[in-house]
Structure formats: structure tokens, C-alpha cells
Amino acid sequence: MTAVETLVFESKQELVSTAAARFVDLVTRAQAERGDASIVLTGGSNGIALLSALAADSGTIDWSRVDVYWGDDRFVPADDSERNSGQAREALLDKVPVDPSRVFPMAPSDGPFGDDIEAAAADYAAILAGRSSDGVAPHFDLHLLGMGGEGHINSLFPHTPATAETEKSVVAVEDSPKPPPRRITLTLPVVNRSRNVWFLVAGGDKAEAVAAAHRGADPADWPCAGARGTDETMWFLDEDAASQIK
């Protein structure tokens, strides 16, 4: 069993600031140990707030030696405000000296594959395979996750083929229950190659899903219960989100 740590905060601001400080420490240590660091970003209010905090103070991180990926994105035009990659650029990536060749957004619907979402998903899988030591995907240093009230992470929703996927590293989602319907997402097997998986969760509407994950629920019912890091899984929660943990 890998380590699981749950931190509960009085406010979302405290949650984000603590996560930002720990992010700096984790990435800096990864770079000291391995030369580079690889991170998977998420969208959502907490994920983007974390990136904004890092833009203000990212400590000793050498951004030129960070590989940046996404856990999922909306298959919409590149300039659509719903794109996780666009929000991340605005919040952080355009403000720090990342190496553009080491930033790997998922293709938009007006990108090189046009409206072919399956080709776009296959391309991202090929990118991950090409950046790995075993032809599957990197062992990411950190995978950030938000979570929906029904327990979805990335674009992995309860009782969907994407959540049940065991072979492919990246899949196309054509009918997401949360709009927009078309998305590209990493699957649980790839999430679980990450050394560290962090959940950033606030709000009482998430409490049931948080509790389900903590009691080891079936990932088919609660996808959040299926995500874990090989070294550590960490939950950053506000008091409302933590309110149903036994």
C-alpha cells in the first residue's frame, strides 16, 4: 500500500497556498534527484487557483526542466475559454520560463486532426509513449486532480467506458455527462503510474465522493476511488469536503 495523506483546511485559500508550497518542494526535489520533473495539470477552480499561486511564487523550480501534460481537455477550438490548456497558460505557463517544446497540450478540435477526436486521442497516447521509458507513458512526478460531486476525475465519469478502460493510456469521450460532451482524457492506468497523485477538493457537494474514495469504493461507481500514486496519494480538502469522512 502506498501512503495516503489527507489535509483539511478551514478555507480554500489556505488549501491552495499549502498545495502551492508543497508543489514547489516536490518539483524541486524531483529535479534534484532526476534532473527533470514531469507534472500533469488539471482544470477547475482549485487547479487554476494553484497555478495562479505558483505564478506569484514558484520558489526554486527550474521551469526550463519541467515537462507539462494535461489529464484531460475539452475537444473544442483552441481559443475556447473552456480549454484547460488555455486556462493553464493564462494562469501560469505564460508567466514562467517553461520550454515550449516540453509543454504537451491535447489537440483542439481545430488543430492538426480537425474534428477527428479519435486521431487526436491516439496522438496524445503516442506523445506519452514517446516520452516514456517503456513505451506506455511517463511515471509522472505529480498528477493534479480536481473532482466532481459524482466523483469524476479528469474526464472519467461513473459507469463509462473511459473509466473502465484498462489498456489504452488515452481515450476519446464523445458523450460526457458534463458539457461540453467531447473530451480527451488520460485513463486510470496512466494516472496510477504517477509517483504522486494530489486531489484538490472544496465544497460540501463533494463530501460524499470524498468519503467514498476514503473507504475504498468501487471506481466504477466513484472514479476518484481508483486514482492513487505509486509513492503517495494526497488529499487537500476544505472542511466541507471532508465532512463525511469517517
Protein backbone atom coordinates (compact mmCIF):
# COMPACT_ATOMS: atom_id res chain seq x y z
CA MET A 1 0.00 0.00 0.00
CA THR A 2 1.27 3.45 -0.85
CA ALA A 3 0.94 6.33 1.59
CA VAL A 4 -2.27 8.33 1.74
CA GLU A 5 -2.32 11.72 3.46
CA THR A 6 -5.41 13.85 4.00
CA LEU A 7 -5.09 17.52 4.90
CA VAL A 8 -8.14 19.54 5.91
CA PHE A 9 -8.21 23.34 5.80
CA GLU A 10 -10.56 26.00 7.10
CA SER A 11 -10.57 27.86 3.80
CA LYS A 12 -9.97 27.32 0.11
CA GLN A 13 -7.26 29.99 0.24
CA GLU A 14 -5.34 28.02 2.87
CA LEU A 15 -5.80 24.83 0.85
CA VAL A 16 -4.35 26.43 -2.28
CA SER A 17 -1.44 28.15 -0.55
CA THR A 18 -0.38 24.95 1.21
CA ALA A 19 -0.67 22.94 -2.00
CA ALA A 20 1.45 25.54 -3.80
CA ALA A 21 4.19 25.36 -1.18
CA ARG A 22 4.21 21.56 -1.33
CA PHE A 23 4.20 21.66 -5.15
CA VAL A 24 7.38 23.76 -5.10
CA ASP A 25 9.02 21.35 -2.67
CA LEU A 26 8.02 18.24 -4.64
CA VAL A 27 9.12 19.56 -8.05
CA THR A 28 12.36 20.96 -6.67
CA ARG A 29 13.18 17.60 -5.05
CA ALA A 30 12.34 15.73 -8.25
CA GLN A 31 14.69 17.96 -10.21
CA ALA A 32 17.43 17.47 -7.63
CA GLU A 33 17.02 13.68 -7.80
CA ARG A 34 16.40 13.14 -11.52
CA GLY A 35 17.35 16.37 -13.27
CA ASP A 36 13.86 16.99 -14.61
CA ALA A 37 10.28 16.90 -13.35
CA SER A 38 7.03 15.93 -15.04
CA ILE A 39 3.64 17.24 -13.98
CA VAL A 40 0.07 16.66 -15.12
CA LEU A 41 -2.21 19.67 -14.77
CA THR A 42 -5.92 19.81 -14.14
CA GLY A 43 -8.61 22.42 -14.68
CA GLY A 44 -11.30 23.52 -12.26
CA SER A 45 -11.30 26.40 -9.83
CA ASN A 46 -8.86 24.86 -7.36
CA GLY A 47 -6.45 23.62 -10.02
CA ILE A 48 -6.29 27.00 -11.71
CA ALA A 49 -6.03 28.81 -8.36
CA LEU A 50 -2.99 26.66 -7.57
CA LEU A 51 -1.38 27.64 -10.87
CA SER A 52 -2.04 31.32 -10.15
CA ALA A 53 -0.38 30.93 -6.76
CA LEU A 54 2.65 29.35 -8.43
CA ALA A 55 2.83 32.20 -10.92
CA ALA A 56 3.17 34.56 -7.95
CA ASP A 57 5.81 32.43 -6.22
CA SER A 58 7.30 29.22 -7.57
CA GLY A 59 10.37 29.25 -5.37
CA THR A 60 13.39 27.45 -6.77
CA ILE A 61 11.64 25.50 -9.53
CA ASP A 62 13.63 25.49 -12.76
CA TRP A 63 10.74 25.74 -15.21
CA SER A 64 13.00 25.02 -18.17
CA ARG A 65 13.36 21.46 -16.83
CA VAL A 66 9.66 20.71 -16.31
CA ASP A 67 7.56 18.58 -18.67
CA VAL A 68 3.92 19.68 -18.63
CA TYR A 69 0.98 17.44 -19.55
CA TRP A 70 -2.78 17.51 -19.01
CA GLY A 71 -5.06 14.90 -17.51
CA ASP A 72 -7.88 15.84 -19.84
CA ASP A 73 -9.17 18.60 -22.03
CA ARG A 74 -12.25 19.66 -23.90
CA PHE A 75 -12.23 18.84 -27.61
CA VAL A 76 -13.23 22.34 -28.66
CA PRO A 77 -11.43 25.06 -30.66
CA ALA A 78 -8.06 26.17 -29.31
CA ASP A 79 -9.31 29.61 -28.32
CA ASP A 80 -12.34 28.30 -26.40
CA SER A 81 -12.31 29.56 -22.81
CA GLU A 82 -13.22 26.04 -21.59
CA ARG A 83 -9.88 24.60 -22.65
CA ASN A 84 -7.84 23.52 -19.62
CA SER A 85 -4.63 24.19 -21.51
CA GLY A 86 -5.65 27.77 -22.29
CA GLN A 87 -6.60 28.44 -18.68
CA ALA A 88 -3.28 27.00 -17.52
CA ARG A 89 -1.34 29.19 -19.92
CA GLU A 90 -3.16 32.28 -18.73
CA ALA A 91 -2.75 31.41 -15.04
CA LEU A 92 0.85 30.17 -15.09
CA LEU A 93 2.61 28.93 -18.19
CA ASP A 94 2.76 32.29 -19.98
CA LYS A 95 4.29 33.81 -16.83
CA VAL A 96 7.15 31.40 -16.14
CA PRO A 97 10.10 30.37 -18.37
CA VAL A 98 8.85 26.96 -19.48
CA ASP A 99 10.45 25.35 -22.51
CA PRO A 100 7.67 25.33 -25.16
CA SER A 101 8.98 22.03 -26.53
CA ARG A 102 8.26 20.44 -23.15
CA VAL A 103 4.62 21.57 -22.92
CA PHE A 104 2.20 18.98 -24.29
CA PRO A 105 -1.40 20.16 -24.70
CA MET A 106 -4.04 17.86 -26.14
CA ALA A 107 -5.11 18.71 -29.70
CA PRO A 108 -8.12 21.02 -30.06
CA SER A 109 -10.97 20.44 -32.49
CA ASP A 110 -9.47 22.95 -34.93
CA GLY A 111 -5.97 21.51 -34.61
CA PRO A 112 -3.96 19.21 -36.89
CA PHE A 113 -6.55 16.40 -36.69
CA GLY A 114 -9.56 18.58 -37.32
CA ASP A 115 -12.74 17.07 -35.92
CA ASP A 116 -11.25 13.56 -35.65
CA ILE A 117 -11.24 13.12 -31.88
CA GLU A 118 -10.03 9.51 -32.07
CA ALA A 119 -6.95 10.60 -34.02
CA ALA A 120 -6.32 13.39 -31.52
CA ALA A 121 -6.52 10.92 -28.60
CA ALA A 122 -4.21 8.48 -30.40
CA ASP A 123 -1.72 11.30 -30.99
CA TYR A 124 -1.62 12.12 -27.28
CA ALA A 125 -1.11 8.45 -26.46
CA ALA A 126 1.83 8.44 -28.90
CA ILE A 127 3.29 11.53 -27.22
CA LEU A 128 3.12 9.82 -23.83
CA ALA A 129 4.64 6.64 -25.22
CA GLY A 130 7.46 8.58 -26.84
CA ARG A 131 8.28 10.34 -23.58
CA SER A 132 8.35 7.12 -21.53
CA SER A 133 10.96 4.53 -20.67
CA ASP A 134 8.69 1.58 -21.54
CA GLY A 135 6.62 2.81 -24.48
CA VAL A 136 3.48 3.40 -22.40
CA ALA A 137 3.62 6.71 -20.53
CA PRO A 138 5.91 8.63 -18.18
CA HIS A 139 5.95 7.94 -14.47
CA PHE A 140 4.81 11.47 -13.73
CA ASP A 141 6.22 13.12 -10.63
CA LEU A 142 2.86 14.72 -9.89
CA HIS A 143 -0.65 14.31 -11.25
CA LEU A 144 -3.06 17.01 -10.07
CA LEU A 145 -6.75 16.17 -9.91
CA GLY A 146 -9.93 18.07 -9.30
CA MET A 147 -13.12 16.14 -8.67
CA GLY A 148 -16.82 16.40 -9.40
CA GLY A 149 -19.61 15.78 -6.96
CA GLU A 150 -20.25 12.37 -8.54
CA GLY A 151 -16.58 11.51 -8.13
CA HIS A 152 -15.37 12.11 -11.68
CA ILE A 153 -11.69 12.89 -12.22
CA ASN A 154 -10.15 14.06 -15.50
CA SER A 155 -12.99 13.13 -17.89
CA LEU A 156 -13.57 9.77 -16.24
CA PHE A 157 -17.23 9.63 -15.16
CA PRO A 158 -19.07 6.87 -13.28
CA HIS A 159 -20.11 3.81 -15.30
CA THR A 160 -18.50 4.89 -18.57
CA PRO A 161 -16.17 3.01 -20.94
CA ALA A 162 -13.40 5.57 -20.33
CA THR A 163 -13.39 4.80 -16.61
CA ALA A 164 -13.40 1.05 -17.24
CA GLU A 165 -10.51 1.24 -19.75
CA THR A 166 -7.56 -0.94 -18.75
CA GLU A 167 -5.36 -0.97 -21.87
CA LYS A 168 -5.31 2.42 -23.59
CA SER A 169 -3.47 5.31 -22.00
CA VAL A 170 -5.65 7.99 -23.60
CA VAL A 171 -9.24 7.76 -24.83
CA ALA A 172 -11.76 9.95 -26.58
CA VAL A 173 -15.01 10.74 -24.78
CA GLU A 174 -17.92 11.52 -27.09
CA ASP A 175 -20.76 11.86 -24.59
CA SER A 176 -19.51 13.38 -21.35
CA PRO A 177 -22.40 13.89 -18.92
CA LYS A 178 -20.86 17.27 -18.12
CA PRO A 179 -20.70 19.66 -21.09
CA PRO A 180 -19.01 20.00 -23.44
CA PRO A 181 -19.64 16.36 -24.43
CA ARG A 182 -16.46 15.73 -26.43
CA ARG A 183 -13.22 15.38 -24.46
CA ILE A 184 -9.87 13.62 -24.41
CA THR A 185 -8.70 12.05 -21.16
CA LEU A 186 -5.95 10.02 -19.58
CA THR A 187 -7.18 6.72 -18.16
CA LEU A 188 -6.80 5.31 -14.66
CA PRO A 189 -3.87 3.01 -15.55
CA VAL A 190 -1.86 6.06 -16.63
CA VAL A 191 -2.96 8.20 -13.68
CA ASN A 192 -1.75 5.40 -11.43
CA ARG A 193 1.75 5.43 -12.94
CA SER A 194 2.25 8.82 -11.25
CA ARG A 195 4.56 8.95 -8.28
CA ASN A 196 2.28 11.41 -6.53
CA VAL A 197 -1.45 11.95 -7.07
CA TRP A 198 -2.98 15.04 -5.46
CA PHE A 199 -6.67 15.81 -5.11
CA LEU A 200 -7.67 19.48 -4.71
CA VAL A 201 -11.27 19.45 -3.49
CA ALA A 202 -13.52 22.02 -1.83
CA GLY A 203 -17.24 22.21 -1.13
CA GLY A 204 -19.90 20.19 0.62
CA ASP A 205 -21.23 18.91 -2.70
CA LYS A 206 -18.03 16.84 -2.96
CA ALA A 207 -18.24 15.32 0.52
CA GLU A 208 -19.98 12.08 -0.45
CA ALA A 209 -17.42 11.36 -3.19
CA VAL A 210 -14.50 12.16 -0.87
CA ALA A 211 -15.87 9.76 1.73
CA ALA A 212 -16.43 7.06 -0.91
CA ALA A 213 -12.82 7.30 -2.05
CA HIS A 214 -11.53 7.15 1.51
CA ARG A 215 -13.49 3.98 2.24
CA GLY A 216 -12.20 2.28 -0.92
CA ALA A 217 -15.35 2.34 -3.03
CA ASP A 218 -15.62 0.73 -6.46
CA PRO A 219 -14.03 3.05 -9.08
CA ALA A 220 -16.84 2.18 -11.49
CA ASP A 221 -19.21 3.94 -9.07
CA TRP A 222 -16.76 6.59 -7.86
CA PRO A 223 -13.84 7.08 -10.30
CA CYS A 224 -11.95 9.13 -7.71
CA ALA A 225 -11.56 5.94 -5.68
CA GLY A 226 -9.45 4.42 -8.45
CA ALA A 227 -6.70 7.05 -8.52
CA ARG A 228 -3.57 6.61 -6.45
CA GLY A 229 0.11 7.48 -6.63
CA THR A 230 2.87 4.89 -6.55
CA ASP A 231 4.61 6.88 -3.77
CA GLU A 232 1.80 8.90 -2.22
CA THR A 233 -1.79 9.98 -2.66
CA MET A 234 -2.62 13.31 -1.06
CA TRP A 235 -5.99 14.92 -0.44
CA PHE A 236 -6.18 18.69 0.03
CA LEU A 237 -9.70 19.31 1.37
CA ASP A 238 -11.67 22.13 2.90
CA GLU A 239 -13.79 21.30 5.95
CA ASP A 240 -16.99 20.95 3.94
CA ALA A 241 -15.47 18.45 1.51
CA ALA A 242 -14.07 16.44 4.42
CA SER A 243 -17.29 16.45 6.42
CA GLN A 244 -18.37 12.86 5.66
CA ILE A 245 -15.04 11.09 6.15
CA LYS A 246 -15.43 8.53 8.92
